[in-house]
Protein backbone atom coordinates (compact mmCIF):
# COMPACT_ATOMS: atom_id res chain seq x y z
CA MET A 1 33.24 8.35 -47.49
CA LYS A 2 34.11 4.79 -48.44
CA ASN A 3 37.73 3.94 -47.68
CA LEU A 4 38.45 2.02 -50.90
CA ASN A 5 36.83 4.28 -53.49
CA ASN A 6 38.69 4.15 -56.83
CA LYS A 7 40.89 1.27 -55.61
CA ASN A 8 41.27 -1.87 -57.74
CA ALA A 9 41.56 -5.22 -55.99
CA VAL A 10 42.56 -8.55 -57.53
CA ILE A 11 41.37 -11.58 -55.57
CA THR A 12 42.27 -15.16 -56.52
CA GLY A 13 39.78 -17.80 -55.52
CA GLY A 14 37.29 -14.95 -55.34
CA SER A 15 34.12 -16.71 -56.43
CA ASP A 16 33.22 -18.34 -53.11
CA GLY A 17 34.28 -18.96 -49.52
CA ILE A 18 36.89 -16.70 -47.97
CA GLY A 19 37.66 -15.06 -51.31
CA LEU A 20 34.07 -14.00 -51.88
CA GLY A 21 33.85 -12.79 -48.29
CA ILE A 22 36.89 -10.57 -48.94
CA ALA A 23 35.36 -9.35 -52.20
CA LYS A 24 32.18 -8.30 -50.38
CA ALA A 25 34.14 -6.49 -47.67
CA PHE A 26 36.14 -4.58 -50.28
CA ALA A 27 33.08 -3.78 -52.41
CA ARG A 28 31.27 -2.45 -49.35
CA GLU A 29 34.10 0.10 -49.06
CA GLY A 30 33.84 1.07 -52.74
CA ALA A 31 36.65 -1.00 -54.31
CA ASN A 32 36.41 -2.25 -57.86
CA LEU A 33 37.13 -5.97 -58.15
CA LEU A 34 38.76 -8.52 -60.40
CA LEU A 35 37.91 -12.05 -59.31
CA ILE A 36 39.95 -15.02 -60.52
CA GLY A 37 38.69 -18.60 -60.29
CA LYS A 38 38.45 -21.88 -62.19
CA ASP A 39 34.66 -22.22 -62.42
CA PRO A 40 33.04 -19.76 -64.89
CA GLU A 41 29.56 -20.37 -63.46
CA LYS A 42 30.65 -19.60 -59.90
CA LEU A 43 32.43 -16.48 -61.12
CA GLN A 44 29.37 -15.25 -63.00
CA LYS A 45 27.15 -15.88 -59.97
CA ALA A 46 29.54 -14.02 -57.67
CA GLN A 47 29.88 -11.16 -60.15
CA GLN A 48 26.12 -10.70 -60.42
CA ALA A 49 25.62 -10.82 -56.66
CA LEU A 50 28.30 -8.18 -56.10
CA LEU A 51 26.94 -5.94 -58.84
CA ASN A 52 23.41 -6.19 -57.45
CA GLU A 53 24.42 -5.47 -53.87
CA PHE A 54 27.22 -2.93 -54.23
CA GLY A 55 27.21 -1.51 -57.75
CA VAL A 56 31.00 -1.48 -58.08
CA GLN A 57 32.92 -2.63 -61.14
CA VAL A 58 33.44 -6.39 -61.09
CA HIS A 59 35.64 -8.15 -63.64
CA THR A 60 36.19 -11.91 -63.71
CA LEU A 61 38.86 -14.20 -65.14
CA SER A 62 38.42 -17.94 -65.40
CA ALA A 63 41.86 -19.50 -65.11
CA ASP A 64 43.72 -22.47 -63.65
CA LEU A 65 46.49 -20.79 -61.67
CA SER A 66 48.16 -24.11 -60.93
CA LYS A 67 49.70 -23.88 -64.41
CA THR A 68 52.71 -21.55 -64.48
CA GLU A 69 52.09 -20.48 -68.06
CA THR A 70 48.52 -19.53 -67.14
CA VAL A 71 49.76 -17.14 -64.46
CA ALA A 72 51.71 -15.18 -67.07
CA GLU A 73 48.61 -14.98 -69.26
CA VAL A 74 46.50 -13.82 -66.32
CA VAL A 75 48.97 -11.01 -65.60
CA LYS A 76 48.53 -9.76 -69.18
CA ASP A 77 44.75 -9.97 -68.88
CA ILE A 78 44.79 -8.02 -65.61
CA GLU A 79 46.94 -5.31 -67.18
CA GLN A 80 44.38 -4.94 -69.97
CA LEU A 81 41.36 -4.88 -67.65
CA LEU A 82 42.65 -2.61 -64.88
CA SER A 83 44.37 0.75 -65.09
CA THR A 84 45.93 0.19 -61.67
CA VAL A 85 46.35 -2.65 -59.17
CA ASP A 86 46.12 -1.39 -55.60
CA ILE A 87 45.45 -4.64 -53.75
CA LEU A 88 46.37 -8.25 -54.50
CA VAL A 89 44.88 -11.04 -52.40
CA ASN A 90 46.49 -14.44 -53.01
CA ASN A 91 43.68 -16.61 -51.70
CA ALA A 92 43.26 -19.51 -54.17
CA GLY A 93 44.47 -22.77 -52.74
CA LEU A 94 44.26 -26.54 -52.69
CA GLY A 95 43.97 -28.66 -49.56
CA LYS A 96 43.67 -32.44 -49.73
CA PHE A 97 44.47 -34.21 -46.50
CA ILE A 98 46.08 -37.41 -47.70
CA PRO A 99 48.20 -39.71 -45.48
CA PHE A 100 51.92 -39.12 -45.97
CA GLU A 101 52.60 -42.59 -47.40
CA GLN A 102 49.93 -42.07 -50.07
CA VAL A 103 51.14 -38.70 -51.35
CA ASP A 104 52.61 -38.99 -54.85
CA SER A 105 54.53 -36.42 -56.86
CA THR A 106 51.41 -35.40 -58.81
CA LEU A 107 49.50 -34.47 -55.65
CA TYR A 108 52.59 -32.83 -54.17
CA ASP A 109 53.13 -30.69 -57.27
CA ALA A 110 49.44 -29.76 -57.47
CA HIS A 111 49.58 -28.29 -53.96
CA PHE A 112 52.82 -26.39 -54.44
CA ASN A 113 51.87 -25.12 -57.90
CA LEU A 114 48.63 -23.50 -56.70
CA ASN A 115 49.46 -22.68 -53.09
CA VAL A 116 53.02 -21.36 -53.54
CA LYS A 117 54.10 -20.89 -57.16
CA ALA A 118 50.91 -19.10 -58.24
CA PRO A 119 51.03 -16.38 -55.54
CA TYR A 120 54.79 -16.03 -56.01
CA PHE A 121 54.66 -15.45 -59.76
CA LEU A 122 51.36 -13.54 -59.78
CA THR A 123 52.83 -11.08 -57.29
CA GLN A 124 56.01 -10.89 -59.35
CA GLY A 125 54.06 -10.27 -62.55
CA LEU A 126 51.97 -7.51 -60.98
CA LEU A 127 54.92 -5.94 -59.17
CA PRO A 128 55.30 -2.92 -61.52
CA ALA A 129 51.64 -2.03 -61.00
CA LEU A 130 51.87 -2.55 -57.24
CA VAL A 131 55.01 -0.41 -57.02
CA LYS A 132 53.25 2.34 -58.95
CA SER A 133 50.28 2.33 -56.56
CA LYS A 134 52.33 1.60 -53.41
CA GLY A 135 49.87 -1.22 -53.02
CA ASN A 136 49.08 -4.02 -50.62
CA VAL A 137 49.67 -7.76 -50.96
CA ILE A 138 47.73 -10.15 -48.76
CA ASN A 139 48.57 -13.86 -48.69
CA ILE A 140 46.22 -16.44 -47.19
CA SER A 141 47.97 -19.14 -45.18
CA SER A 142 46.42 -21.44 -42.57
CA TYR A 143 46.74 -22.40 -38.94
CA PHE A 144 47.91 -25.75 -40.30
CA ALA A 145 51.24 -24.07 -40.98
CA HIS A 146 51.77 -24.16 -37.20
CA ARG A 147 49.32 -26.55 -35.59
CA MET A 148 49.49 -30.27 -36.34
CA LEU A 149 46.70 -32.51 -35.07
CA PRO A 150 46.76 -36.25 -34.32
CA ASN A 151 45.24 -38.33 -37.11
CA ARG A 152 45.03 -35.28 -39.38
CA ALA A 153 47.17 -35.89 -42.48
CA THR A 154 48.36 -32.43 -43.55
CA THR A 155 52.01 -32.83 -44.58
CA VAL A 156 51.76 -31.32 -48.07
CA TYR A 157 49.15 -28.70 -47.22
CA SER A 158 51.04 -27.63 -44.09
CA ALA A 159 54.30 -27.42 -46.04
CA THR A 160 52.76 -25.07 -48.60
CA LYS A 161 51.14 -22.85 -46.00
CA GLY A 162 54.40 -22.66 -44.06
CA ALA A 163 56.15 -21.70 -47.29
CA ILE A 164 53.67 -18.85 -47.77
CA ILE A 165 54.52 -17.46 -44.33
CA SER A 166 58.27 -17.58 -45.02
CA MET A 167 57.77 -16.00 -48.45
CA ASN A 168 55.59 -13.31 -46.89
CA LYS A 169 58.26 -12.29 -44.39
CA ALA A 170 61.05 -12.27 -46.97
CA LEU A 171 58.97 -10.35 -49.53
CA ALA A 172 58.00 -7.71 -46.99
CA LYS A 173 61.70 -7.10 -46.32
CA GLU A 174 62.55 -6.99 -50.01
CA LEU A 175 59.70 -4.74 -51.15
CA GLY A 176 59.53 -2.38 -48.20
CA TYR A 177 61.61 0.21 -50.05
CA SER A 178 58.84 0.55 -52.64
CA GLY A 179 56.08 1.35 -50.16
CA ILE A 180 54.30 -1.97 -50.73
CA THR A 181 53.04 -3.78 -47.63
CA VAL A 182 52.98 -7.59 -47.61
CA ASN A 183 51.00 -9.41 -44.94
CA THR A 184 49.47 -12.82 -44.32
CA VAL A 185 46.24 -13.93 -42.73
CA ALA A 186 46.23 -17.48 -41.34
CA PRO A 187 42.68 -18.68 -40.66
CA GLY A 188 41.63 -21.68 -38.64
CA GLY A 189 38.39 -23.47 -39.49
CA VAL A 190 36.06 -21.36 -41.63
CA ASP A 191 32.42 -22.08 -42.41
CA THR A 192 32.59 -22.45 -46.19
CA ASP A 193 31.25 -24.85 -48.81
CA MET A 194 34.40 -26.96 -48.39
CA LEU A 195 32.84 -28.32 -45.19
CA LYS A 196 29.26 -28.67 -46.38
CA ASP A 197 29.51 -32.41 -47.10
CA LEU A 198 30.87 -33.29 -43.66
CA PRO A 199 28.41 -34.80 -41.14
CA LYS A 200 27.34 -32.62 -38.23
CA GLU A 201 29.24 -34.85 -35.81
CA SER A 202 32.48 -34.17 -37.65
CA ILE A 203 31.83 -30.44 -37.67
CA ASP A 204 31.07 -30.48 -33.94
CA GLU A 205 34.29 -32.41 -33.26
CA TYR A 206 36.25 -29.94 -35.39
CA CYS A 207 34.73 -26.97 -33.55
CA SER A 208 35.73 -28.48 -30.21
CA GLU A 209 39.39 -27.88 -31.18
CA PHE A 210 38.80 -24.13 -30.94
CA PRO A 211 38.41 -22.37 -27.57
CA LEU A 212 35.60 -20.30 -29.08
CA GLN A 213 33.87 -23.58 -29.98
CA ARG A 214 32.82 -22.55 -33.46
CA LEU A 215 34.05 -21.98 -36.98
CA ALA A 216 34.88 -18.53 -38.26
CA LYS A 217 32.57 -16.85 -40.72
CA PRO A 218 34.13 -15.77 -44.03
CA GLU A 219 33.34 -12.14 -43.18
CA GLU A 220 35.41 -12.42 -39.99
CA ILE A 221 38.45 -13.34 -42.07
CA ALA A 222 37.55 -10.62 -44.56
CA ASN A 223 37.42 -7.97 -41.84
CA ALA A 224 40.99 -8.81 -40.84
CA VAL A 225 42.13 -8.54 -44.44
CA LYS A 226 40.32 -5.23 -44.78
CA PHE A 227 42.17 -3.89 -41.75
CA LEU A 228 45.58 -4.94 -43.10
CA ILE A 229 45.07 -2.98 -46.33
CA SER A 230 43.67 0.08 -44.55
CA LYS A 231 45.39 3.36 -43.69
CA GLU A 232 45.20 2.33 -40.04
CA ALA A 233 47.58 -0.55 -40.83
CA SER A 234 49.94 1.43 -43.06
CA TYR A 235 52.99 0.66 -40.88
CA ILE A 236 52.30 -3.08 -40.66
CA THR A 237 54.20 -5.33 -43.06
CA GLY A 238 55.63 -8.82 -42.87
CA HIS A 239 52.99 -9.71 -40.28
CA VAL A 240 51.11 -12.99 -39.90
CA LEU A 241 47.66 -12.45 -38.39
CA ASN A 242 46.34 -15.69 -36.88
CA ILE A 243 42.54 -15.91 -36.82
CA ASN A 244 41.68 -19.28 -35.34
CA GLY A 245 39.41 -18.84 -32.34
CA GLY A 246 42.33 -19.33 -29.98
CA ALA A 247 43.45 -22.73 -31.32
CA PHE A 248 46.96 -21.43 -31.94
CA ILE A 249 48.19 -18.43 -29.95
């Protein structure tokens, strides 16, 4: 029997990379999916691939979650599309590594709007549904919340991912009474399209930062997420699971 049969999962940034890896892991266990992303073509491609491989229900919403008013609209759309929300994965994010002295308020706000405000208010908007299902919330942070590297300009990105970890811990405390679990996964380097334009030398140098000497595969991050929403992890909440090949222990 598949462990997620009849469960509904909402995944932001679900059309590629880590988000799509999570979607595949959930679909393999029988979950129905609602993927949220900005690019309609990517969403359609991901939807078709998931339908062809797994045969589960796959809904999509094209939306820019960096706009607060859009988040409220998305909540209404989700309520119309899904009878229940059992799992929410706040994965969508922005990461531009710009030197501190070049960061302006527009770039700063863009990071915080998508990386912090969107998961905060999407979780808040879906809270009644999550309480009803005694559901699971998974937030995606990054090892850059903890590990700062020389010549790697991450001030804004690191600040947002640190904020997610603090929010995660506080929310787990606040929502524990309802039976909802709230956990965070903090990946290190992951082999996604975000790195496809980098030269091989840069990738090799990046991999050398990790004791395992390689990038994670999206499915390796997805497997950790799948564990945290499983029955086996039912007494785990407020946890930050670092998956970074030993770069930060």
